[in-house]
Amino acid sequence: MSTMNISLPEALKTFVDLQVSQRGYGTSSEYVRELIRKDQDRLQLRELLLSGASSSPTAPVSATYFDGLRDRVHQAIRTHSPR
């Protein structure tokens, strides 16, 4: 794992230390890594939304489509759930 040093104003350092202690992180690095992962997820979702918004419209979906989608999700949950 690589190391990165950052400088924070005292108020931000205090905030980070408080989050670490109140939210159960072992270190400030764990907290920062989680923030970065969440930002990555947010950017990926943004790209997907922009891609969808710029795509061509499709035919309207019916209740049957959503029933099938719901069935596939339930099947995936059953398949990947620990027993």
N, C-alpha and C. Protein backbone atom coordinates (compact mmCIF):
# COMPACT_ATOMS: atom_id res chain seq x y z
N MET A 1 0.85 -1.17 0.00
CA MET A 1 0.00 0.00 0.00
C MET A 1 0.90 1.23 0.00
N SER A 2 0.53 2.22 -0.77
CA SER A 2 1.28 3.47 -0.83
C SER A 2 0.89 4.38 0.32
N THR A 3 1.76 5.32 0.61
CA THR A 3 1.52 6.29 1.66
C THR A 3 1.38 7.67 1.05
N MET A 4 0.45 8.45 1.61
CA MET A 4 0.25 9.82 1.17
C MET A 4 0.09 10.68 2.42
N ASN A 5 0.85 11.73 2.51
CA ASN A 5 0.72 12.64 3.64
C ASN A 5 -0.08 13.85 3.20
N ILE A 6 -1.00 14.30 4.06
CA ILE A 6 -1.78 15.49 3.74
C ILE A 6 -1.70 16.45 4.92
N SER A 7 -1.84 17.72 4.61
CA SER A 7 -1.88 18.75 5.65
C SER A 7 -3.30 19.25 5.77
N LEU A 8 -3.76 19.37 7.01
CA LEU A 8 -5.11 19.84 7.27
C LEU A 8 -5.06 20.99 8.26
N PRO A 9 -5.96 21.95 8.10
CA PRO A 9 -6.09 22.95 9.16
C PRO A 9 -6.55 22.25 10.43
N GLU A 10 -6.27 22.83 11.56
CA GLU A 10 -6.59 22.21 12.84
C GLU A 10 -8.07 21.84 12.95
N ALA A 11 -8.95 22.69 12.44
CA ALA A 11 -10.39 22.42 12.53
C ALA A 11 -10.76 21.15 11.76
N LEU A 12 -10.17 20.94 10.59
CA LEU A 12 -10.46 19.72 9.83
C LEU A 12 -9.86 18.50 10.51
N LYS A 13 -8.66 18.62 11.04
CA LYS A 13 -8.05 17.50 11.75
C LYS A 13 -8.92 17.11 12.95
N THR A 14 -9.41 18.08 13.67
CA THR A 14 -10.29 17.81 14.81
C THR A 14 -11.55 17.09 14.35
N PHE A 15 -12.11 17.54 13.24
CA PHE A 15 -13.31 16.90 12.69
C PHE A 15 -13.01 15.45 12.33
N VAL A 16 -11.91 15.20 11.64
CA VAL A 16 -11.54 13.83 11.25
C VAL A 16 -11.35 12.97 12.49
N ASP A 17 -10.63 13.48 13.47
CA ASP A 17 -10.40 12.71 14.71
C ASP A 17 -11.72 12.37 15.39
N LEU A 18 -12.66 13.30 15.38
CA LEU A 18 -13.97 13.06 15.98
C LEU A 18 -14.73 11.98 15.23
N GLN A 19 -14.68 12.02 13.89
CA GLN A 19 -15.35 11.00 13.09
C GLN A 19 -14.75 9.63 13.35
N VAL A 20 -13.43 9.58 13.45
CA VAL A 20 -12.75 8.30 13.71
C VAL A 20 -13.21 7.72 15.04
N SER A 21 -13.26 8.55 16.07
CA SER A 21 -13.62 8.03 17.39
C SER A 21 -15.11 7.72 17.51
N GLN A 22 -15.96 8.54 16.91
CA GLN A 22 -17.40 8.34 17.06
C GLN A 22 -17.97 7.30 16.12
N ARG A 23 -17.34 7.08 15.00
CA ARG A 23 -17.92 6.18 14.00
C ARG A 23 -17.19 4.85 13.89
N GLY A 24 -16.26 4.60 14.79
CA GLY A 24 -15.66 3.28 14.88
C GLY A 24 -14.53 2.98 13.89
N TYR A 25 -13.93 3.99 13.33
CA TYR A 25 -12.78 3.75 12.46
C TYR A 25 -11.56 3.49 13.32
N GLY A 26 -10.66 2.66 12.84
CA GLY A 26 -9.44 2.38 13.58
C GLY A 26 -8.43 3.50 13.47
N THR A 27 -8.41 4.13 12.30
CA THR A 27 -7.44 5.20 12.06
C THR A 27 -8.06 6.25 11.16
N SER A 28 -7.41 7.40 11.10
CA SER A 28 -7.88 8.45 10.18
C SER A 28 -7.72 7.99 8.74
N SER A 29 -6.75 7.13 8.47
CA SER A 29 -6.57 6.62 7.11
C SER A 29 -7.78 5.81 6.65
N GLU A 30 -8.35 5.00 7.56
CA GLU A 30 -9.55 4.25 7.21
C GLU A 30 -10.69 5.18 6.85
N TYR A 31 -10.85 6.25 7.61
CA TYR A 31 -11.90 7.23 7.35
C TYR A 31 -11.70 7.89 5.98
N VAL A 32 -10.49 8.31 5.69
CA VAL A 32 -10.21 8.97 4.41
C VAL A 32 -10.39 7.99 3.26
N ARG A 33 -9.96 6.75 3.43
CA ARG A 33 -10.15 5.75 2.36
C ARG A 33 -11.63 5.56 2.06
N GLU A 34 -12.47 5.52 3.11
CA GLU A 34 -13.90 5.37 2.87
C GLU A 34 -14.47 6.58 2.13
N LEU A 35 -14.04 7.77 2.49
CA LEU A 35 -14.50 8.97 1.78
C LEU A 35 -14.12 8.92 0.30
N ILE A 36 -12.92 8.47 0.02
CA ILE A 36 -12.47 8.38 -1.37
C ILE A 36 -13.28 7.33 -2.12
N ARG A 37 -13.53 6.17 -1.51
CA ARG A 37 -14.34 5.13 -2.17
C ARG A 37 -15.74 5.65 -2.45
N LYS A 38 -16.33 6.37 -1.50
CA LYS A 38 -17.67 6.92 -1.71
C LYS A 38 -17.66 7.93 -2.84
N ASP A 39 -16.61 8.72 -2.95
CA ASP A 39 -16.52 9.69 -4.04
C ASP A 39 -16.37 8.97 -5.38
N GLN A 40 -15.60 7.89 -5.41
CA GLN A 40 -15.48 7.08 -6.63
C GLN A 40 -16.85 6.54 -7.04
N ASP A 41 -17.60 6.01 -6.07
CA ASP A 41 -18.94 5.49 -6.35
C ASP A 41 -19.84 6.59 -6.89
N ARG A 42 -19.77 7.78 -6.28
CA ARG A 42 -20.60 8.91 -6.72
C ARG A 42 -20.27 9.30 -8.16
N LEU A 43 -18.97 9.34 -8.48
CA LEU A 43 -18.57 9.69 -9.84
C LEU A 43 -19.00 8.63 -10.85
N GLN A 44 -18.92 7.36 -10.46
CA GLN A 44 -19.36 6.28 -11.35
C GLN A 44 -20.86 6.38 -11.59
N LEU A 45 -21.62 6.62 -10.53
CA LEU A 45 -23.06 6.78 -10.69
C LEU A 45 -23.38 7.97 -11.58
N ARG A 46 -22.67 9.06 -11.41
CA ARG A 46 -22.89 10.25 -12.24
C ARG A 46 -22.66 9.92 -13.72
N GLU A 47 -21.58 9.20 -14.00
CA GLU A 47 -21.30 8.82 -15.39
C GLU A 47 -22.40 7.93 -15.95
N LEU A 48 -22.88 6.98 -15.16
CA LEU A 48 -23.96 6.11 -15.61
C LEU A 48 -25.23 6.91 -15.88
N LEU A 49 -25.54 7.85 -14.99
CA LEU A 49 -26.74 8.68 -15.17
C LEU A 49 -26.62 9.55 -16.42
N LEU A 50 -25.44 10.14 -16.62
CA LEU A 50 -25.24 10.97 -17.82
C LEU A 50 -25.31 10.13 -19.08
N SER A 51 -24.75 8.93 -19.02
CA SER A 51 -24.82 8.03 -20.17
C SER A 51 -26.26 7.65 -20.48
N GLY A 52 -27.01 7.33 -19.44
CA GLY A 52 -28.42 6.99 -19.64
C GLY A 52 -29.22 8.16 -20.16
N ALA A 53 -28.94 9.36 -19.64
CA ALA A 53 -29.68 10.54 -20.07
C ALA A 53 -29.40 10.88 -21.53
N SER A 54 -28.22 10.55 -22.01
CA SER A 54 -27.89 10.88 -23.39
C SER A 54 -28.18 9.73 -24.36
N SER A 55 -28.67 8.61 -23.87
CA SER A 55 -28.96 7.48 -24.74
C SER A 55 -30.33 7.66 -25.40
N SER A 56 -30.54 6.89 -26.41
CA SER A 56 -31.81 6.95 -27.13
C SER A 56 -32.93 6.36 -26.28
N PRO A 57 -34.12 6.92 -26.38
CA PRO A 57 -35.25 6.36 -25.64
C PRO A 57 -35.56 4.94 -26.11
N THR A 58 -36.10 4.15 -25.22
CA THR A 58 -36.50 2.79 -25.56
C THR A 58 -38.02 2.70 -25.46
N ALA A 59 -38.51 1.55 -25.81
CA ALA A 59 -39.96 1.33 -25.72
C ALA A 59 -40.38 1.36 -24.26
N PRO A 60 -41.57 1.82 -23.96
CA PRO A 60 -42.04 1.81 -22.58
C PRO A 60 -42.05 0.38 -22.02
N VAL A 61 -41.82 0.28 -20.73
CA VAL A 61 -41.83 -1.03 -20.09
C VAL A 61 -43.17 -1.26 -19.41
N SER A 62 -43.48 -2.53 -19.24
CA SER A 62 -44.78 -2.89 -18.67
C SER A 62 -44.59 -3.49 -17.28
N ALA A 63 -45.69 -3.79 -16.64
CA ALA A 63 -45.65 -4.44 -15.34
C ALA A 63 -44.95 -5.79 -15.45
N THR A 64 -45.11 -6.47 -16.58
CA THR A 64 -44.46 -7.76 -16.79
C THR A 64 -42.94 -7.62 -16.73
N TYR A 65 -42.42 -6.55 -17.31
CA TYR A 65 -40.98 -6.30 -17.28
C TYR A 65 -40.51 -6.19 -15.82
N PHE A 66 -41.23 -5.40 -15.02
CA PHE A 66 -40.82 -5.22 -13.63
C PHE A 66 -40.99 -6.48 -12.82
N ASP A 67 -41.99 -7.29 -13.11
CA ASP A 67 -42.15 -8.58 -12.44
C ASP A 67 -40.95 -9.47 -12.72
N GLY A 68 -40.53 -9.51 -13.97
CA GLY A 68 -39.36 -10.31 -14.35
C GLY A 68 -38.09 -9.78 -13.70
N LEU A 69 -37.95 -8.47 -13.66
CA LEU A 69 -36.78 -7.86 -13.02
C LEU A 69 -36.75 -8.20 -11.54
N ARG A 70 -37.88 -8.10 -10.88
CA ARG A 70 -37.99 -8.43 -9.47
C ARG A 70 -37.62 -9.90 -9.24
N ASP A 71 -38.10 -10.78 -10.10
CA ASP A 71 -37.76 -12.21 -9.99
C ASP A 71 -36.26 -12.44 -10.14
N ARG A 72 -35.64 -11.76 -11.10
CA ARG A 72 -34.19 -11.92 -11.30
C ARG A 72 -33.41 -11.43 -10.08
N VAL A 73 -33.84 -10.33 -9.48
CA VAL A 73 -33.16 -9.82 -8.29
C VAL A 73 -33.31 -10.80 -7.14
N HIS A 74 -34.51 -11.30 -6.92
CA HIS A 74 -34.72 -12.27 -5.85
C HIS A 74 -33.88 -13.53 -6.07
N GLN A 75 -33.79 -13.98 -7.30
CA GLN A 75 -32.98 -15.15 -7.62
C GLN A 75 -31.50 -14.88 -7.35
N ALA A 76 -31.04 -13.70 -7.72
CA ALA A 76 -29.63 -13.34 -7.48
C ALA A 76 -29.34 -13.29 -5.99
N ILE A 77 -30.28 -12.78 -5.22
CA ILE A 77 -30.10 -12.71 -3.77
C ILE A 77 -30.02 -14.12 -3.18
N ARG A 78 -30.91 -14.99 -3.63
CA ARG A 78 -30.89 -16.37 -3.13
C ARG A 78 -29.59 -17.07 -3.51
N THR A 79 -29.11 -16.82 -4.71
CA THR A 79 -27.90 -17.47 -5.20
C THR A 79 -26.66 -17.00 -4.43
N HIS A 80 -26.62 -15.72 -4.08
CA HIS A 80 -25.42 -15.15 -3.46
C HIS A 80 -25.51 -15.01 -1.95
N SER A 81 -26.61 -15.42 -1.36
CA SER A 81 -26.75 -15.32 0.10
C SER A 81 -26.01 -16.45 0.78
N PRO A 82 -25.32 -16.11 1.91
CA PRO A 82 -24.67 -17.19 2.68
C PRO A 82 -25.72 -18.08 3.31
N ARG A 83 -25.43 -19.32 3.37
CA ARG A 83 -26.41 -20.28 3.92
C ARG A 83 -26.04 -20.70 5.29
